[in-house]
Protein backbone atom coordinates (compact mmCIF):
# COMPACT_ATOMS: atom_id res chain seq x y z
CA MET A 1 95.12 86.31 151.45
CA ARG A 2 93.74 86.33 147.91
CA LYS A 3 91.94 83.10 146.95
CA VAL A 4 90.45 82.15 143.58
CA ALA A 5 88.74 78.86 142.64
CA THR A 6 88.00 77.49 139.18
CA ARG A 7 86.53 74.22 137.94
CA TRP A 8 85.95 72.36 134.70
CA HIS A 9 85.07 68.90 133.41
CA SER A 10 87.98 66.69 132.35
CA HIS A 11 87.43 64.10 129.66
CA ARG A 12 90.66 62.47 130.86
CA THR A 13 89.50 61.62 134.38
CA HIS A 14 85.79 61.62 133.48
CA GLY A 15 85.08 64.03 136.30
CA GLU A 16 85.34 67.55 137.60
CA VAL A 17 88.67 69.28 138.13
CA ARG A 18 88.73 71.90 140.87
CA LEU A 19 91.77 74.18 141.05
CA VAL A 20 92.20 76.67 143.89
CA ARG A 21 94.84 79.39 143.99
CA TRP A 22 96.13 81.44 146.92
CA GLY A 23 98.40 84.45 146.52
CA HIS A 24 98.84 87.24 144.02
CA TYR A 25 102.38 86.98 142.65
CA GLY A 26 105.45 84.74 142.57
CA PRO A 27 106.59 81.38 141.20
CA PRO A 28 103.73 78.86 140.94
CA VAL A 29 103.62 75.91 143.31
CA LEU A 30 101.25 73.01 142.62
CA LEU A 31 100.39 71.41 145.96
CA PHE A 32 98.96 67.90 145.74
CA PRO A 33 96.71 66.85 148.64
CA THR A 34 97.00 63.66 150.66
CA ALA A 35 95.20 60.55 149.45
CA GLY A 36 91.68 61.44 150.50
CA GLY A 37 92.14 65.19 150.41
CA ASP A 38 90.64 67.91 148.26
CA ALA A 39 91.82 71.20 146.83
CA GLU A 40 91.17 73.07 150.09
CA GLU A 41 92.63 70.48 152.46
CA ALA A 42 95.84 72.47 152.95
CA GLU A 43 93.82 75.49 154.05
CA ARG A 44 91.77 73.52 156.58
CA PHE A 45 94.91 72.01 158.12
CA LEU A 46 96.57 75.44 158.40
CA LEU A 47 99.32 74.80 155.88
CA LEU A 48 98.30 77.94 154.02
CA GLU A 49 98.56 79.87 157.28
CA ALA A 50 102.12 78.56 157.70
CA LEU A 51 102.89 79.80 154.17
CA GLY A 52 101.22 83.14 154.78
CA GLY A 53 104.43 85.16 154.92
CA LEU A 54 105.69 83.84 151.59
CA LEU A 55 102.29 84.43 150.00
CA GLU A 56 101.92 87.97 151.29
CA GLN A 57 105.46 88.85 150.15
CA GLY A 58 104.63 87.65 146.63
CA ARG A 59 107.34 85.00 146.76
CA ILE A 60 105.00 82.15 145.76
CA LYS A 61 101.52 81.41 144.47
CA ILE A 62 99.97 78.16 145.69
CA TYR A 63 97.64 76.07 143.53
CA SER A 64 95.91 72.88 144.67
CA LEU A 65 93.44 70.40 143.23
CA ASP A 66 91.39 67.45 144.43
CA SER A 67 93.08 64.10 145.01
CA VAL A 68 91.29 62.28 142.22
CA ALA A 69 93.51 59.21 141.83
CA GLY A 70 94.61 59.11 145.46
CA ALA A 71 91.01 58.98 146.63
CA ALA A 72 90.39 55.99 144.37
CA TRP A 73 93.41 54.09 145.70
CA VAL A 74 92.38 54.44 149.35
CA SER A 75 88.62 54.04 148.89
CA GLY A 76 88.74 50.25 148.69
CA PHE A 77 85.82 50.33 146.25
CA GLN A 78 87.74 50.52 142.96
CA SER A 79 89.59 47.70 141.21
CA PRO A 80 93.39 47.92 140.98
CA SER A 81 93.11 48.15 137.19
CA HIS A 82 90.79 51.17 137.45
CA CYS A 83 93.03 52.86 140.03
CA ALA A 84 96.10 52.35 137.84
CA TRP A 85 94.23 53.72 134.82
CA LEU A 86 92.99 56.70 136.80
CA GLN A 87 96.48 57.43 138.15
CA ASN A 88 97.79 57.62 134.60
CA GLN A 89 94.83 59.74 133.47
CA PHE A 90 95.27 62.05 136.45
CA ASP A 91 98.87 62.63 135.42
CA ALA A 92 97.72 63.49 131.89
CA CYS A 93 95.12 65.86 133.32
CA VAL A 94 97.76 67.62 135.40
CA TYR A 95 100.05 68.09 132.42
CA HIS A 96 97.51 68.92 129.70
CA GLU A 97 94.91 70.81 131.74
CA VAL A 98 96.18 71.98 135.14
CA VAL A 99 99.61 73.22 134.05
CA PRO A 100 98.14 75.27 131.16
CA ALA A 101 95.58 76.73 133.58
CA ILE A 102 98.38 77.72 135.95
CA ARG A 103 100.40 79.24 133.13
CA ALA A 104 97.39 81.20 131.91
CA ASP A 105 96.81 82.51 135.42
CA CYS A 106 100.48 83.50 135.65
CA LYS A 107 100.26 85.08 132.18
CA SER A 108 103.33 83.12 131.09
CA GLU A 109 103.31 80.22 128.65
CA ARG A 110 106.75 79.18 129.89
CA ALA A 111 106.20 79.36 133.65
CA GLU A 112 107.89 76.44 135.37
CA VAL A 113 106.05 74.93 138.31
CA ILE A 114 107.32 73.60 141.63
CA SER A 115 105.33 70.54 142.69
CA ALA A 116 104.86 69.64 146.34
CA GLY A 117 102.86 67.28 148.48
CA ALA A 118 102.77 65.02 151.51
CA SER A 119 102.13 61.28 151.73
CA ILE A 120 100.51 60.27 148.40
CA GLY A 121 100.69 63.95 147.49
CA ALA A 122 104.46 63.49 147.57
CA PHE A 123 104.12 60.61 145.09
CA ASN A 124 102.18 62.87 142.72
CA ALA A 125 104.63 65.74 143.17
CA VAL A 126 107.66 63.63 142.28
CA ALA A 127 105.82 61.74 139.52
CA SER A 128 104.87 65.04 137.87
CA LEU A 129 108.48 66.21 137.93
CA CYS A 130 109.81 62.93 136.54
CA ARG A 131 107.28 62.60 133.73
CA HIS A 132 107.15 66.27 132.80
CA PRO A 133 110.48 67.99 133.46
CA ASP A 134 109.57 70.42 130.69
CA ALA A 135 106.82 71.84 132.95
CA PHE A 136 108.12 71.22 136.49
CA ARG A 137 111.47 72.47 137.74
CA ALA A 138 111.55 70.93 141.23
CA ALA A 139 109.56 68.66 143.51
CA ILE A 140 109.18 68.69 147.28
CA GLY A 141 108.01 65.37 148.63
CA MET A 142 107.17 65.24 152.34
CA SER A 143 106.70 61.95 154.20
CA GLY A 144 106.32 60.32 150.84
CA THR A 145 104.38 57.17 150.05
CA TYR A 146 106.26 56.37 146.85
CA ASP A 147 105.50 52.68 146.35
CA LEU A 148 101.84 52.13 145.53
CA GLN A 149 102.40 48.58 144.25
CA PRO A 150 100.95 46.89 147.39
CA TRP A 151 97.58 48.41 146.47
CA LEU A 152 97.62 46.47 143.21
CA ARG A 153 96.89 43.36 145.30
CA GLY A 154 99.13 41.14 143.22
CA GLU A 155 97.99 42.48 139.84
CA TRP A 156 100.17 44.35 137.37
CA HIS A 157 99.14 47.00 134.87
CA ASP A 158 101.08 49.07 132.35
CA ASP A 159 99.18 52.17 133.48
CA PHE A 160 100.70 51.73 136.91
CA TYR A 161 104.19 51.12 135.55
CA TYR A 162 104.25 54.36 133.60
CA ALA A 163 102.79 56.33 136.52
CA SER A 164 105.29 55.13 139.13
CA PRO A 165 108.83 56.63 139.10
CA LEU A 166 110.16 53.80 141.25
CA HIS A 167 109.25 51.35 138.51
CA TYR A 168 109.74 53.07 135.14
CA LEU A 169 112.76 55.27 135.84
CA PRO A 170 115.28 52.38 135.96
CA GLY A 171 114.30 51.45 132.40
CA LEU A 172 113.83 54.95 131.00
CA GLY A 173 115.95 55.29 127.87
CA ASP A 174 118.23 58.18 127.08
CA GLY A 175 116.34 60.99 125.43
CA TRP A 176 114.97 64.46 126.03
CA GLN A 177 112.98 63.45 129.14
CA LEU A 178 115.91 62.01 131.05
CA ALA A 179 118.27 64.73 129.84
CA ARG A 180 115.88 67.44 131.07
CA LEU A 181 115.18 65.59 134.31
CA ARG A 182 118.88 65.58 135.09
CA GLN A 183 118.65 69.38 135.17
CA ARG A 184 115.86 69.31 137.78
CA PHE A 185 115.82 68.65 141.53
CA ALA A 186 113.81 66.46 143.90
CA LEU A 187 113.82 67.23 147.62
CA LEU A 188 112.60 64.30 149.70
CA ALA A 189 111.85 65.19 153.31
CA THR A 190 110.75 62.72 155.95
CA GLY A 191 110.44 62.36 159.66
CA SER A 192 111.24 59.15 161.50
CA GLY A 193 108.51 59.50 164.10
CA PRO A 194 105.19 57.62 164.30
CA TRP A 195 103.65 56.43 161.01
CA GLU A 196 106.69 57.53 159.00
CA ASP A 197 108.60 55.26 156.62
CA PRO A 198 111.93 56.97 155.79
CA GLU A 199 113.07 54.00 153.70
CA GLN A 200 110.55 54.92 151.00
CA SER A 201 112.33 58.26 150.52
CA TRP A 202 115.77 56.66 150.52
CA ARG A 203 114.64 54.02 148.04
CA LEU A 204 113.35 56.65 145.63
CA ALA A 205 116.51 58.69 146.14
CA ARG A 206 118.63 55.71 145.10
CA VAL A 207 116.59 55.24 141.92
CA LEU A 208 116.90 58.94 141.07
CA ALA A 209 120.63 58.96 141.78
CA GLU A 210 121.22 55.90 139.61
CA ARG A 211 119.70 57.84 136.69
CA GLY A 212 121.71 60.98 137.45
CA VAL A 213 118.77 63.01 138.77
CA PRO A 214 119.79 65.55 141.45
CA ASN A 215 118.03 64.89 144.74
CA ARG A 216 118.39 65.20 148.49
CA VAL A 217 116.86 63.35 151.43
CA ASP A 218 116.31 65.23 154.68
CA ASP A 219 115.39 63.13 157.72
CA TRP A 220 113.99 65.43 160.41
CA GLY A 221 114.25 62.73 163.07
CA PRO A 222 111.97 60.94 165.53
CA ALA A 223 110.30 64.13 166.82
CA TYR A 224 108.49 64.50 163.48
CA PRO A 225 105.55 62.14 162.78
CA HIS A 226 103.55 61.60 159.60
CA ASP A 227 101.20 64.49 160.29
CA TRP A 228 100.32 68.08 159.45
CA PRO A 229 102.44 69.79 162.13
CA THR A 230 105.50 68.22 160.47
CA TRP A 231 104.50 69.44 157.02
CA ARG A 232 103.67 72.92 158.31
CA GLU A 233 107.31 73.19 159.38
CA MET A 234 108.82 71.58 156.31
CA LEU A 235 107.11 73.29 153.41
CA PRO A 236 107.77 76.97 154.26
CA GLN A 237 111.45 76.17 154.78
CA TYR A 238 111.81 74.37 151.47
CA LEU A 239 109.83 76.86 149.43
CA SER A 240 112.04 79.61 150.85
CA GLU A 241 115.02 77.58 149.69
CA LEU A 242 113.73 76.84 146.18
CA GLY A 243 111.68 79.97 145.49
């Protein structure tokens, strides 16, 4: 399986961006790691092995990067205001730096990306689609943690508002962003086994539906916990469907 890694310094997040790609051909998929994960997390937890058939057939190319903002949220060492700022900056980095890097690698300035992720990675996948429907054509959120507000510890920040689809989508005015988003698709998959919270997916689905954004919730049932074996089953199925 072909693997290429690149890195650069981002003035947006004030840190290094590491982007890893697996595969040689096919539609690009940007895979966001879990909260504390890095760009190679999916490989260590055998998700890339589960996607091996699609990669070898040239049906997809997988890209992944470090969980910059997610790591700050779960660290417990950063203030809520900094985490909210970093979440917003991370989104800007994805759009202005990572997407162009993916398009350059694909040799297509118009390549549309599928975003995907589990847990907080699902938050980032759906947030990228909602904020940038000109760059992302679909999102696959698995076992999503979509409401990060409890981590604000009672504070409120505009950076958080604009980064969180649950909060800004209800007030998003008519315009190009919403019009384009209504032509996109969000697939929200969840289990109902240990450590899962299906209501987060349903809550986000209701917000999307109220704004006319096509979406679907799949509940895989109590046999599927919030864990990598679940996601190793989910993602190949959904990328086969959307690819």
